[in-house]
Amino acid sequence: MAFNILISDPLSEEGIQPLRDAEDMNIVIDTTLTPEELADQIGAYDALLVRSQTQVTREVISKASKLKIIGRAGVGVDNIDLDAATEHGIIVVNAPNGNTNSAAEHTMAMIMSLSRNIPQAYHALKNHKWDRKKFVGVELKNKTLGVIGLGRIGTEVTVRAKGQRMNVIAYDPFLTEEKADKMGIGYGTIQEVLEKADFITIHTPLLKETKHLINASAFQQMKTGVQIVNCARGGIIDEEALYDAIVSKKVAGAALDVFEEEPFVDHKLLDLPEVIATPHLGASTFEAQESVAVDVSHDVVRFLTGDLVKNPVNLPSVPNDIMNRIEPYFNLAEKLGLFLIGLTGEVVEDITIYYSGDLSEVEVAPLTRNTVKGLLKRHLGDHVNDVNALYLAEQKGITINESKTSKAKGFTNLLKVEVKTKSGKRSVSGTLLNGLGPRIVKVDNYSVDVTPEGHIVVIHHKDQPGVIGRMGSLLAQHQINIATMQVDRSDIGGDAIMLLRVDKHLGKEGLSELKALNEIYDVTAIDL
């Protein structure tokens, strides 16, 4: 099967080489598309690769009928509507590590340029003016650098700042005092960082919570004469408030690599001599451009060829060692969900997934997604996948619960799925048997041993002699061969269950005739 891939922003040839090396990849490079043209053409593509220029809006995604994956050659994904991508089952991947070094180096270059007025002094010389007194700067040694956001880039900036013998105080929602001590930096709330820093550098993503994080109120908390650096995302700093803070001399200078609206031809902040700026160059090194493109190209190839991606944005990331432990259960989880919804045949209100044994010790979110995908697949078909399964369940008002216990009732691992409907609760349990693969080992309270694949007929009946014979004869009349059979009962002469794996689908006529047998309460045909 050939895949069509669109690259709509400039990427290095070395960066897209993994796509060219893969089989069945038809690559189209068009970096001139308008938003309207992109929306018109996107329906023909299985994958889209972008940088920061292309805006992948909800409108574009709504017309992407074949699109399976969007690759962002860089860290930020604010030019991609993640909610729309998730709703449509499109995975988004990025390259979080490829430009870390370049962005950290650029941040330090901006801090040094700001502290020593290097761009302004150079501009004066270019205009034939020699004025040493006007451009007296400050040393970084013993100054306090406030770092807001201590991810990969923020951490690298911290290391470099310590190399300049700066004192560092940082705020990050996941930073603890213990971790800060190990790093040899100060730990502070965002307010403490704002109050204590001589220089402030920002390294957070642009989210609803961080939009205009540095606003007029934040500037009022800062030292007079503070200097601001933003090489992260435009919009984290309120540019109107920054302009006012510089004019009022509260802020002595600002170094900006990013802006709320890009590109632009004029900006009033650039009229201020205290401001130095670059046109979003943080990741613009040959090394970074190649690295991020290579990383995202590899992920696109992995996904399209059925492998696991390394840097998903709209799926929780799971460490490789954990993924290797749970991946064998992916198929089982989906089949249990698909089996149970076929057995129930009603509107599901709640889903509870019980993880027992060794599974209770690991991250199981991917297994939960696969289970829910199976439950929804009977009615939604291929529209539901790993990316949008939980979203679609939420939209349909289905509550999803997880429960873990170390007790697996005789199995190394046991996965039980239980649903609640208006009629009550139904459940199915499964495990992996060494050398035999996935097995359904329990249906409600009945013990069985069935491979979850192919055509399965579930029969609830009264435990009486002759039932199995009459059932077998009836199937024979319809030319349906039984591959395997499992039977269990509550007690002698009580209720019983029969699970048959048959060679072909049991049609409506066969179902009706089975249900007409006196001892049979109910018959369900499930295709896995």
Protein backbone atom coordinates (compact mmCIF):
# COMPACT_ATOMS: atom_id res chain seq x y z
CA MET A 1 0.00 0.00 0.00
CA ALA A 2 1.44 3.35 -1.05
CA PHE A 3 1.17 6.41 1.19
CA ASN A 4 0.96 10.02 0.00
CA ILE A 5 2.98 12.47 2.07
CA LEU A 6 2.79 16.27 1.82
CA ILE A 7 5.62 18.49 3.06
CA SER A 8 4.28 22.05 3.21
CA ASP A 9 7.18 23.85 4.94
CA PRO A 10 10.89 23.89 4.01
CA LEU A 11 12.72 20.85 5.39
CA SER A 12 16.30 19.88 4.68
CA GLU A 13 16.88 17.14 2.14
CA GLU A 14 18.89 15.20 4.72
CA GLY A 15 15.95 15.52 7.11
CA ILE A 16 13.45 13.86 4.80
CA GLN A 17 15.83 11.12 3.66
CA PRO A 18 14.15 8.55 5.98
CA LEU A 19 10.96 9.09 3.96
CA ARG A 20 12.78 8.60 0.68
CA ASP A 21 14.48 5.45 1.99
CA ALA A 22 11.17 3.86 3.02
CA GLU A 23 9.13 1.84 0.55
CA ASP A 24 5.76 2.97 -0.83
CA MET A 25 6.10 6.64 0.19
CA ASN A 26 4.98 9.16 -2.43
CA ILE A 27 6.43 12.51 -1.35
CA VAL A 28 5.07 15.87 -2.52
CA ILE A 29 6.89 19.06 -1.48
CA ASP A 30 4.89 22.30 -1.87
CA THR A 31 5.84 25.17 0.41
CA THR A 32 3.73 27.76 -1.43
CA LEU A 33 0.25 26.56 -0.47
CA THR A 34 -2.20 29.14 0.86
CA PRO A 35 -4.49 28.01 3.72
CA GLU A 36 -7.31 27.63 1.21
CA GLU A 37 -5.17 25.56 -1.15
CA LEU A 38 -3.99 23.35 1.71
CA ALA A 39 -7.59 22.70 2.78
CA ASP A 40 -8.55 21.84 -0.81
CA GLN A 41 -5.67 19.42 -1.35
CA ILE A 42 -5.19 17.79 2.06
CA GLY A 43 -7.82 15.11 1.38
CA ALA A 44 -5.39 13.28 -0.91
CA TYR A 45 -2.68 12.75 1.73
CA ASP A 46 -1.98 10.20 4.44
CA ALA A 47 0.67 12.29 6.22
CA LEU A 48 1.53 15.98 6.55
CA LEU A 49 4.92 17.36 7.61
CA VAL A 50 5.19 21.00 8.71
CA ARG A 51 7.36 23.42 10.64
CA SER A 52 5.89 26.56 12.21
CA GLN A 53 4.71 28.29 9.03
CA THR A 54 1.81 26.06 8.01
CA GLN A 55 -1.34 26.55 10.08
CA VAL A 56 -3.07 23.20 10.45
CA THR A 57 -6.49 24.48 11.45
CA ARG A 58 -9.71 22.69 12.30
CA GLU A 59 -10.97 23.55 8.81
CA VAL A 60 -7.94 21.88 7.23
CA ILE A 61 -8.28 18.82 9.46
CA SER A 62 -12.01 18.50 8.75
CA LYS A 63 -11.18 18.03 5.05
CA ALA A 64 -8.32 15.59 5.70
CA SER A 65 -10.32 12.45 5.01
CA LYS A 66 -7.25 10.20 4.60
CA LEU A 67 -4.84 11.93 6.97
CA LYS A 68 -3.38 9.64 9.60
CA ILE A 69 -0.45 11.59 11.02
CA ILE A 70 0.85 15.16 11.25
CA GLY A 71 4.57 15.60 11.87
CA ARG A 72 5.86 18.87 13.32
CA ALA A 73 9.58 19.32 12.67
CA GLY A 74 10.22 21.15 15.93
CA VAL A 75 8.97 21.32 19.49
CA GLY A 76 5.95 23.64 19.58
CA VAL A 77 2.66 22.52 18.07
CA ASP A 78 0.63 25.69 18.54
CA ASN A 79 0.17 25.93 14.76
CA ILE A 80 -1.72 22.62 14.87
CA ASP A 81 -5.27 22.28 16.23
CA LEU A 82 -4.58 19.34 18.56
CA ASP A 83 -8.19 19.02 19.67
CA ALA A 84 -9.40 18.72 16.08
CA ALA A 85 -6.63 16.24 15.25
CA THR A 86 -7.53 14.09 18.26
CA GLU A 87 -11.24 14.19 17.44
CA HIS A 88 -10.51 13.00 13.91
CA GLY A 89 -8.15 10.27 15.09
CA ILE A 90 -5.04 11.87 13.63
CA ILE A 91 -1.85 11.40 15.61
CA VAL A 92 0.48 14.38 15.96
CA VAL A 93 4.21 13.86 16.47
CA ASN A 94 7.00 16.36 17.00
CA ALA A 95 10.76 16.43 17.53
CA PRO A 96 11.25 17.59 21.12
CA ASN A 97 14.97 16.92 21.35
CA GLY A 98 16.38 17.95 18.00
CA ASN A 99 16.62 21.70 18.57
CA THR A 100 17.31 21.76 22.32
CA ASN A 101 20.97 22.69 22.03
CA SER A 102 20.40 25.32 19.34
CA ALA A 103 17.56 26.98 21.27
CA ALA A 104 19.60 27.03 24.51
CA GLU A 105 22.61 28.52 22.73
CA HIS A 106 20.45 31.17 21.10
CA THR A 107 18.94 32.07 24.46
CA MET A 108 22.39 32.58 25.96
CA ALA A 109 23.44 34.61 22.93
CA MET A 110 20.42 36.85 23.45
CA ILE A 111 21.18 37.25 27.18
CA MET A 112 24.78 38.22 26.44
CA SER A 113 23.81 40.54 23.60
CA LEU A 114 21.24 42.20 25.84
CA SER A 115 23.62 42.62 28.77
CA ARG A 116 26.36 44.18 26.61
CA ASN A 117 24.24 46.13 24.08
CA ILE A 118 26.02 44.35 21.24
CA PRO A 119 23.38 44.83 18.49
CA GLN A 120 22.91 48.51 19.33
CA ALA A 121 26.66 49.16 19.39
CA TYR A 122 27.12 47.39 16.07
CA HIS A 123 24.28 49.37 14.51
CA ALA A 124 25.89 52.62 15.70
CA LEU A 125 29.21 51.66 14.14
CA LYS A 126 27.48 50.78 10.89
CA ASN A 127 26.14 54.34 10.95
CA HIS A 128 29.67 55.69 11.48
CA LYS A 129 29.16 56.56 15.18
CA TRP A 130 31.79 55.70 17.83
CA ASP A 131 30.13 56.02 21.23
CA ARG A 132 31.58 53.78 23.95
CA LYS A 133 29.87 55.52 26.87
CA LYS A 134 26.38 55.02 25.45
CA PHE A 135 26.72 51.25 25.35
CA VAL A 136 28.14 50.42 28.78
CA GLY A 137 26.73 47.06 29.79
CA VAL A 138 26.54 44.79 32.83
CA GLU A 139 28.33 41.57 33.72
CA LEU A 140 26.41 38.32 34.08
CA LYS A 141 28.61 37.11 36.94
CA ASN A 142 26.69 37.11 40.24
CA LYS A 143 23.48 38.27 38.55
CA THR A 144 20.34 36.24 39.19
CA LEU A 145 18.75 34.54 36.23
CA GLY A 146 15.10 33.62 36.67
CA VAL A 147 14.08 30.64 34.53
CA ILE A 148 10.35 30.13 34.01
CA GLY A 149 9.87 26.64 32.63
CA LEU A 150 12.48 23.97 33.31
CA GLY A 151 12.01 21.54 30.47
CA ARG A 152 14.76 20.41 28.12
CA ILE A 153 15.68 23.88 26.87
CA GLY A 154 15.23 25.62 30.21
CA THR A 155 17.48 23.04 31.84
CA GLU A 156 20.18 23.51 29.20
CA VAL A 157 20.02 27.29 29.65
CA THR A 158 20.44 26.77 33.39
CA VAL A 159 23.62 24.75 32.86
CA ARG A 160 25.07 27.43 30.59
CA ALA A 161 24.09 30.26 32.94
CA LYS A 162 25.87 28.53 35.82
CA GLY A 163 28.90 28.36 33.56
CA GLN A 164 28.73 32.16 33.40
CA ARG A 165 28.69 32.13 37.23
CA MET A 166 25.14 33.41 37.39
CA ASN A 167 22.84 32.57 40.27
CA VAL A 168 19.79 30.71 38.99
CA ILE A 169 16.30 30.54 40.47
CA ALA A 170 13.68 28.55 38.59
CA TYR A 171 9.97 27.91 38.55
CA ASP A 172 8.33 24.92 36.93
CA PRO A 173 5.08 23.18 37.99
CA PHE A 174 7.00 19.87 38.18
CA LEU A 175 10.12 21.20 39.90
CA THR A 176 10.66 20.15 43.52
CA GLU A 177 13.04 21.63 46.07
CA GLU A 178 14.96 18.34 46.12
CA LYS A 179 15.44 18.38 42.36
CA ALA A 180 16.48 22.04 42.42
CA ASP A 181 19.08 21.24 45.12
CA LYS A 182 20.52 18.45 42.98
CA MET A 183 20.79 20.85 40.04
CA GLY A 184 22.48 23.46 42.20
CA ILE A 185 19.82 26.11 41.56
CA GLY A 186 17.27 27.98 43.60
CA TYR A 187 13.66 26.81 43.84
CA GLY A 188 10.92 29.39 43.75
CA THR A 189 7.30 30.10 43.04
CA ILE A 190 6.65 32.12 39.92
CA GLN A 191 6.18 35.18 42.11
CA GLU A 192 9.56 34.62 43.81
CA VAL A 193 11.26 34.26 40.43
CA LEU A 194 9.72 37.50 39.20
CA GLU A 195 10.74 39.36 42.36
CA LYS A 196 14.34 38.13 42.65
CA ALA A 197 15.64 37.92 39.08
CA ASP A 198 17.90 40.42 37.30
CA PHE A 199 17.33 38.58 34.03
CA ILE A 200 14.24 36.50 33.25
CA THR A 201 14.11 33.90 30.48
CA ILE A 202 10.95 32.05 29.52
CA HIS A 203 10.79 28.42 28.39
CA THR A 204 7.17 27.31 28.66
CA PRO A 205 4.86 26.11 25.89
CA LEU A 206 2.09 28.43 24.74
CA LEU A 207 -1.06 27.10 26.36
CA LYS A 208 -4.31 28.61 27.54
CA GLU A 209 -2.74 28.81 30.99
CA THR A 210 0.46 30.51 29.79
CA LYS A 211 -1.08 33.00 27.38
CA HIS A 212 0.11 36.44 28.60
CA LEU A 213 1.69 34.81 31.64
CA ILE A 214 4.03 37.79 31.74
CA ASN A 215 1.53 40.65 31.87
CA ALA A 216 1.24 44.08 33.47
CA SER A 217 0.74 42.55 36.91
CA ALA A 218 3.84 40.36 36.49
CA PHE A 219 5.97 43.34 35.46
CA GLN A 220 4.92 45.18 38.61
CA GLN A 221 6.36 42.34 40.72
CA MET A 222 9.77 42.53 39.04
CA LYS A 223 12.84 44.50 40.04
CA THR A 224 13.24 47.86 38.40
CA GLY A 225 15.84 47.42 35.69
CA VAL A 226 15.07 43.76 35.00
CA GLN A 227 15.88 42.39 31.55
CA ILE A 228 13.55 39.98 29.74
CA VAL A 229 14.33 37.22 27.23
CA ASN A 230 11.79 35.19 25.27
CA CYS A 231 13.00 32.53 22.86
CA ALA A 232 10.06 30.20 23.56
CA ARG A 233 6.71 31.23 22.08
CA GLY A 234 5.11 34.51 21.14
CA GLY A 235 2.07 35.26 23.27
CA ILE A 236 3.56 34.22 26.60
CA ILE A 237 4.52 37.88 27.09
CA ASP A 238 1.82 40.51 26.75
CA GLU A 239 3.58 42.72 24.21
CA GLU A 240 1.53 45.83 25.04
CA ALA A 241 2.41 45.44 28.72
CA LEU A 242 6.08 44.90 27.82
CA TYR A 243 6.11 48.07 25.74
CA ASP A 244 4.66 50.08 28.62
CA ALA A 245 7.11 48.52 31.11
CA ILE A 246 10.09 49.50 28.95
CA VAL A 247 8.84 53.04 28.36
CA SER A 248 8.30 53.47 32.12
CA LYS A 249 11.88 52.17 32.77
CA LYS A 250 10.59 49.27 34.86
CA VAL A 251 12.22 46.95 32.31
CA ALA A 252 15.71 47.93 31.18
CA GLY A 253 15.73 45.76 28.07
CA ALA A 254 14.15 42.89 26.22
CA ALA A 255 15.52 40.29 23.81
CA LEU A 256 12.81 38.67 21.71
CA ASP A 257 13.06 35.84 19.23
CA VAL A 258 9.30 35.24 19.04
CA PHE A 259 6.20 37.41 18.69
CA GLU A 260 2.46 37.03 19.00
CA GLU A 261 1.99 37.47 15.26
CA GLU A 262 4.59 36.19 12.84
CA PRO A 263 5.79 37.22 10.36
CA PHE A 264 5.34 41.00 10.51
CA VAL A 265 6.75 43.99 8.66
CA ASP A 266 6.50 46.49 11.50
CA HIS A 267 6.28 46.29 15.29
CA LYS A 268 6.33 49.15 17.75
CA LEU A 269 8.53 47.22 20.19
CA LEU A 270 11.32 47.45 17.61
CA ASP A 271 11.11 51.23 17.76
CA LEU A 272 12.48 51.05 21.30
CA PRO A 273 16.30 51.10 21.54
CA GLU A 274 16.13 48.85 24.60
CA VAL A 275 14.75 45.98 22.50
CA ILE A 276 16.83 43.55 20.45
CA ALA A 277 15.16 40.91 18.32
CA THR A 278 15.66 38.07 15.88
CA PRO A 279 13.07 36.54 13.50
CA HIS A 280 12.36 33.26 15.31
CA LEU A 281 15.89 31.88 14.93
CA GLY A 282 16.07 29.75 18.08
CA ALA A 283 16.14 26.48 16.17
CA SER A 284 17.65 27.88 12.99
CA THR A 285 20.94 26.05 12.83
CA PHE A 286 21.91 23.55 10.17
CA GLU A 287 22.30 20.89 12.84
CA ALA A 288 18.91 21.51 14.45
CA GLN A 289 16.99 21.76 11.19
CA GLU A 290 18.38 18.46 10.02
CA SER A 291 17.92 16.77 13.39
CA VAL A 292 14.25 17.70 13.92
CA ALA A 293 13.35 16.76 10.35
CA VAL A 294 15.11 13.40 10.68
CA ASP A 295 13.34 12.66 13.99
CA VAL A 296 9.86 13.48 12.71
CA SER A 297 10.44 11.70 9.39
CA HIS A 298 11.40 8.52 11.22
CA ASP A 299 8.24 8.75 13.34
CA VAL A 300 6.05 9.21 10.26
CA VAL A 301 7.59 6.14 8.66
CA ARG A 302 7.18 4.15 11.87
CA PHE A 303 3.51 5.02 12.16
CA LEU A 304 2.59 4.43 8.53
CA THR A 305 4.31 1.04 8.57
CA GLY A 306 2.52 -0.08 11.74
CA ASP A 307 5.25 0.58 14.29
CA LEU A 308 5.13 2.69 17.47
CA VAL A 309 6.06 6.36 17.31
CA LYS A 310 8.60 7.80 19.73
CA ASN A 311 7.32 11.35 20.17
CA PRO A 312 3.50 11.45 20.17
CA VAL A 313 1.95 14.76 21.19
CA ASN A 314 -1.72 13.84 21.55
CA LEU A 315 -1.02 10.44 23.10
CA PRO A 316 0.66 9.98 26.49
CA SER A 317 4.26 8.92 26.05
CA VAL A 318 5.27 5.63 27.66
CA PRO A 319 8.92 4.65 28.32
CA ASN A 320 10.26 2.00 25.94
CA ASP A 321 10.84 -0.60 28.67
CA ILE A 322 7.23 -0.30 29.83
CA MET A 323 5.92 -0.30 26.25
CA ASN A 324 7.81 -3.52 25.55
CA ARG A 325 6.05 -5.16 28.51
CA ILE A 326 2.51 -4.09 27.62
CA GLU A 327 2.60 -4.15 23.82
CA PRO A 328 1.82 -7.91 23.64
CA TYR A 329 -1.49 -7.13 25.40
CA PHE A 330 -2.66 -4.52 22.85
CA ASN A 331 -4.49 -7.04 20.66
CA LEU A 332 -6.03 -8.81 23.66
CA ALA A 333 -7.32 -5.52 25.13
CA GLU A 334 -8.99 -4.49 21.87
CA LYS A 335 -10.52 -7.95 21.32
CA LEU A 336 -11.92 -8.02 24.86
CA GLY A 337 -13.62 -4.68 24.26
CA LEU A 338 -14.97 -5.80 20.90
CA PHE A 339 -16.20 -9.11 22.34
CA LEU A 340 -17.92 -7.49 25.30
CA ILE A 341 -19.80 -4.86 23.31
CA GLY A 342 -20.97 -7.60 20.94
CA LEU A 343 -22.13 -9.69 23.88
CA THR A 344 -23.90 -6.79 25.59
CA GLY A 345 -25.65 -5.21 22.63
CA GLU A 346 -26.78 -2.25 24.75
CA VAL A 347 -25.79 1.33 25.41
CA VAL A 348 -22.78 1.37 27.73
CA GLU A 349 -22.81 3.80 30.64
CA ASP A 350 -19.61 2.87 32.49
CA ILE A 351 -16.48 0.91 31.62
CA THR A 352 -14.18 -0.48 34.32
CA ILE A 353 -10.92 -2.14 33.35
CA TYR A 354 -9.26 -4.27 36.01
CA TYR A 355 -5.50 -4.88 35.74
CA SER A 356 -4.26 -7.78 37.85
CA GLY A 357 -0.88 -9.38 38.47
CA ASP A 358 2.21 -7.88 36.87
CA LEU A 359 0.07 -5.47 34.84
CA SER A 360 -0.80 -3.67 38.07
CA GLU A 361 2.80 -2.45 38.33
CA VAL A 362 3.09 -0.66 34.97
CA GLU A 363 1.57 2.23 33.03
CA VAL A 364 -1.56 0.84 31.38
CA ALA A 365 -2.99 3.90 29.61
CA PRO A 366 -2.28 2.43 26.13
CA LEU A 367 -4.14 -0.75 27.09
CA THR A 368 -7.11 1.28 28.31
CA ARG A 369 -7.20 3.13 24.99
CA ASN A 370 -7.12 -0.14 23.06
CA THR A 371 -9.91 -1.61 25.19
CA VAL A 372 -12.13 1.43 24.70
CA LYS A 373 -11.31 1.41 20.99
CA GLY A 374 -12.59 -2.16 20.79
CA LEU A 375 -15.79 -1.26 22.66
CA LEU A 376 -16.54 1.61 20.30
CA LYS A 377 -15.41 -0.06 17.09
CA ARG A 378 -18.57 -2.14 16.63
CA HIS A 379 -20.61 1.01 16.10
CA LEU A 380 -18.00 3.50 14.87
CA GLY A 381 -15.84 1.26 12.69
CA ASP A 382 -12.46 2.59 11.57
CA HIS A 383 -13.40 6.11 12.69
CA VAL A 384 -12.23 5.18 16.18
CA ASN A 385 -8.54 4.58 16.86
CA ASP A 386 -5.94 4.87 19.63
CA VAL A 387 -5.86 8.65 19.31
CA ASN A 388 -9.55 9.50 19.62
CA ALA A 389 -10.98 6.52 21.54
CA LEU A 390 -11.07 8.21 24.95
CA TYR A 391 -12.33 11.46 23.46
CA LEU A 392 -15.19 9.71 21.64
CA ALA A 393 -16.11 7.77 24.78
CA GLU A 394 -16.26 11.02 26.74
CA GLN A 395 -18.39 12.64 24.03
CA LYS A 396 -20.84 9.77 24.34
CA GLY A 397 -21.05 10.17 28.11
CA ILE A 398 -19.23 6.93 28.93
CA THR A 399 -17.31 6.91 32.20
CA ILE A 400 -13.98 5.07 32.08
CA ASN A 401 -12.46 3.61 35.25
CA GLU A 402 -9.25 1.72 35.95
CA SER A 403 -8.52 -0.59 38.86
CA LYS A 404 -5.30 -2.39 39.77
CA THR A 405 -4.55 -5.30 42.06
CA SER A 406 -1.56 -7.60 42.45
CA LYS A 407 -3.85 -10.65 42.79
CA ALA A 408 -4.46 -12.29 39.42
CA LYS A 409 -6.46 -15.36 40.51
CA GLY A 410 -4.05 -17.99 39.25
CA PHE A 411 -2.73 -16.04 36.26
CA THR A 412 0.49 -14.08 35.89
CA ASN A 413 -1.56 -11.26 34.38
CA LEU A 414 -5.30 -10.84 34.03
CA LEU A 415 -7.21 -8.18 32.14
CA LYS A 416 -10.91 -7.88 33.02
CA VAL A 417 -13.32 -5.52 31.28
CA GLU A 418 -16.68 -4.77 32.84
CA VAL A 419 -19.45 -2.61 31.41
CA LYS A 420 -22.55 -1.23 33.05
CA THR A 421 -25.76 -0.85 31.07
CA LYS A 422 -29.37 -0.27 32.05
CA SER A 423 -29.81 -4.03 32.29
CA GLY A 424 -26.88 -4.53 34.64
CA LYS A 425 -23.22 -5.49 34.39
CA ARG A 426 -21.41 -7.79 31.95
CA SER A 427 -17.74 -8.72 31.99
CA VAL A 428 -15.05 -10.62 30.13
CA SER A 429 -11.54 -11.52 31.26
CA GLY A 430 -8.48 -12.41 29.25
CA THR A 431 -4.81 -13.20 29.54
CA LEU A 432 -1.78 -14.24 27.52
CA LEU A 433 -0.78 -17.90 27.76
CA ASN A 434 2.85 -18.72 27.09
CA GLY A 435 3.22 -20.10 23.61
CA LEU A 436 -0.52 -19.93 22.96
CA GLY A 437 -1.16 -16.18 22.81
CA PRO A 438 -4.31 -14.30 23.90
CA ARG A 439 -7.17 -16.14 25.54
CA ILE A 440 -10.62 -15.29 26.87
CA VAL A 441 -10.69 -17.09 30.21
CA LYS A 442 -13.92 -15.85 31.74
CA VAL A 443 -17.29 -14.55 30.54
CA ASP A 444 -19.26 -13.05 33.41
CA ASN A 445 -18.81 -15.75 36.09
CA TYR A 446 -18.20 -18.65 33.69
CA SER A 447 -14.70 -20.04 33.13
CA VAL A 448 -13.72 -20.72 29.51
CA ASP A 449 -10.62 -20.91 27.31
CA VAL A 450 -11.22 -19.34 23.90
CA THR A 451 -8.93 -17.69 21.36
CA PRO A 452 -10.40 -14.20 20.70
CA GLU A 453 -10.46 -14.29 16.91
CA GLY A 454 -12.72 -15.25 14.05
CA HIS A 455 -16.43 -16.08 14.40
CA ILE A 456 -17.60 -16.79 17.94
CA VAL A 457 -21.09 -17.89 18.95
CA VAL A 458 -22.06 -17.37 22.60
CA ILE A 459 -24.98 -19.48 23.78
CA HIS A 460 -26.66 -19.19 27.19
CA HIS A 461 -28.67 -22.33 27.89
CA LYS A 462 -30.05 -24.71 30.51
CA ASP A 463 -27.65 -27.48 31.53
CA GLN A 464 -29.53 -30.51 30.17
CA PRO A 465 -28.52 -33.60 28.19
CA GLY A 466 -28.92 -33.33 24.42
CA VAL A 467 -28.53 -29.54 24.10
CA ILE A 468 -25.07 -29.77 22.55
CA GLY A 469 -26.20 -32.48 20.12
CA ARG A 470 -29.24 -30.55 18.89
CA MET A 471 -27.17 -27.38 18.56
CA GLY A 472 -24.49 -29.24 16.56
CA SER A 473 -27.05 -30.78 14.23
CA LEU A 474 -28.65 -27.42 13.55
CA LEU A 475 -25.29 -25.82 12.68
CA ALA A 476 -24.53 -28.75 10.40
CA GLN A 477 -27.73 -28.05 8.48
CA HIS A 478 -26.37 -24.55 7.80
CA GLN A 479 -22.97 -25.97 6.70
CA ILE A 480 -21.25 -24.36 9.70
CA ASN A 481 -18.31 -26.27 11.09
CA ILE A 482 -17.31 -25.97 14.75
CA ALA A 483 -13.60 -25.32 15.30
CA THR A 484 -13.57 -25.29 19.12
CA MET A 485 -16.15 -25.50 21.91
CA GLN A 486 -16.06 -24.41 25.54
CA VAL A 487 -18.83 -25.12 28.05
CA ASP A 488 -19.24 -24.10 31.69
CA ARG A 489 -22.19 -24.17 34.09
CA SER A 490 -23.26 -22.61 37.36
CA ASP A 491 -24.33 -25.98 38.81
CA ILE A 492 -25.69 -29.31 37.63
CA GLY A 493 -28.94 -28.70 35.77
CA GLY A 494 -28.60 -24.94 36.20
CA ASP A 495 -27.61 -22.18 33.81
CA ALA A 496 -24.71 -22.78 31.45
CA ILE A 497 -22.70 -21.04 28.76
CA MET A 498 -21.30 -22.38 25.51
CA LEU A 499 -18.68 -20.60 23.39
CA LEU A 500 -18.17 -21.91 19.86
CA ARG A 501 -15.54 -20.82 17.37
CA VAL A 502 -17.02 -21.56 13.97
CA ASP A 503 -15.62 -21.40 10.45
CA LYS A 504 -18.07 -18.88 9.06
CA HIS A 505 -20.53 -16.24 10.22
CA LEU A 506 -23.81 -17.45 11.65
CA GLY A 507 -26.57 -15.59 9.81
CA LYS A 508 -29.91 -14.33 11.08
CA GLU A 509 -31.74 -17.51 10.11
CA GLY A 510 -29.31 -19.70 12.01
CA LEU A 511 -29.50 -17.43 15.04
CA SER A 512 -33.29 -17.56 15.03
CA GLU A 513 -33.35 -21.35 14.80
CA LEU A 514 -30.87 -21.70 17.67
CA LYS A 515 -32.86 -19.33 19.84
CA ALA A 516 -35.98 -21.40 19.10
CA LEU A 517 -34.53 -24.44 20.86
CA ASN A 518 -36.29 -24.89 24.20
CA GLU A 519 -33.20 -25.12 26.38
CA ILE A 520 -31.48 -22.05 24.90
CA TYR A 521 -32.06 -18.66 26.49
CA ASP A 522 -29.99 -16.47 24.22
CA VAL A 523 -27.58 -16.64 21.28
CA THR A 524 -25.08 -13.98 20.20
CA ALA A 525 -22.81 -14.11 17.16
CA ILE A 526 -19.64 -12.05 17.51
CA ASP A 527 -17.06 -11.49 14.78
CA LEU A 528 -13.55 -10.72 16.00
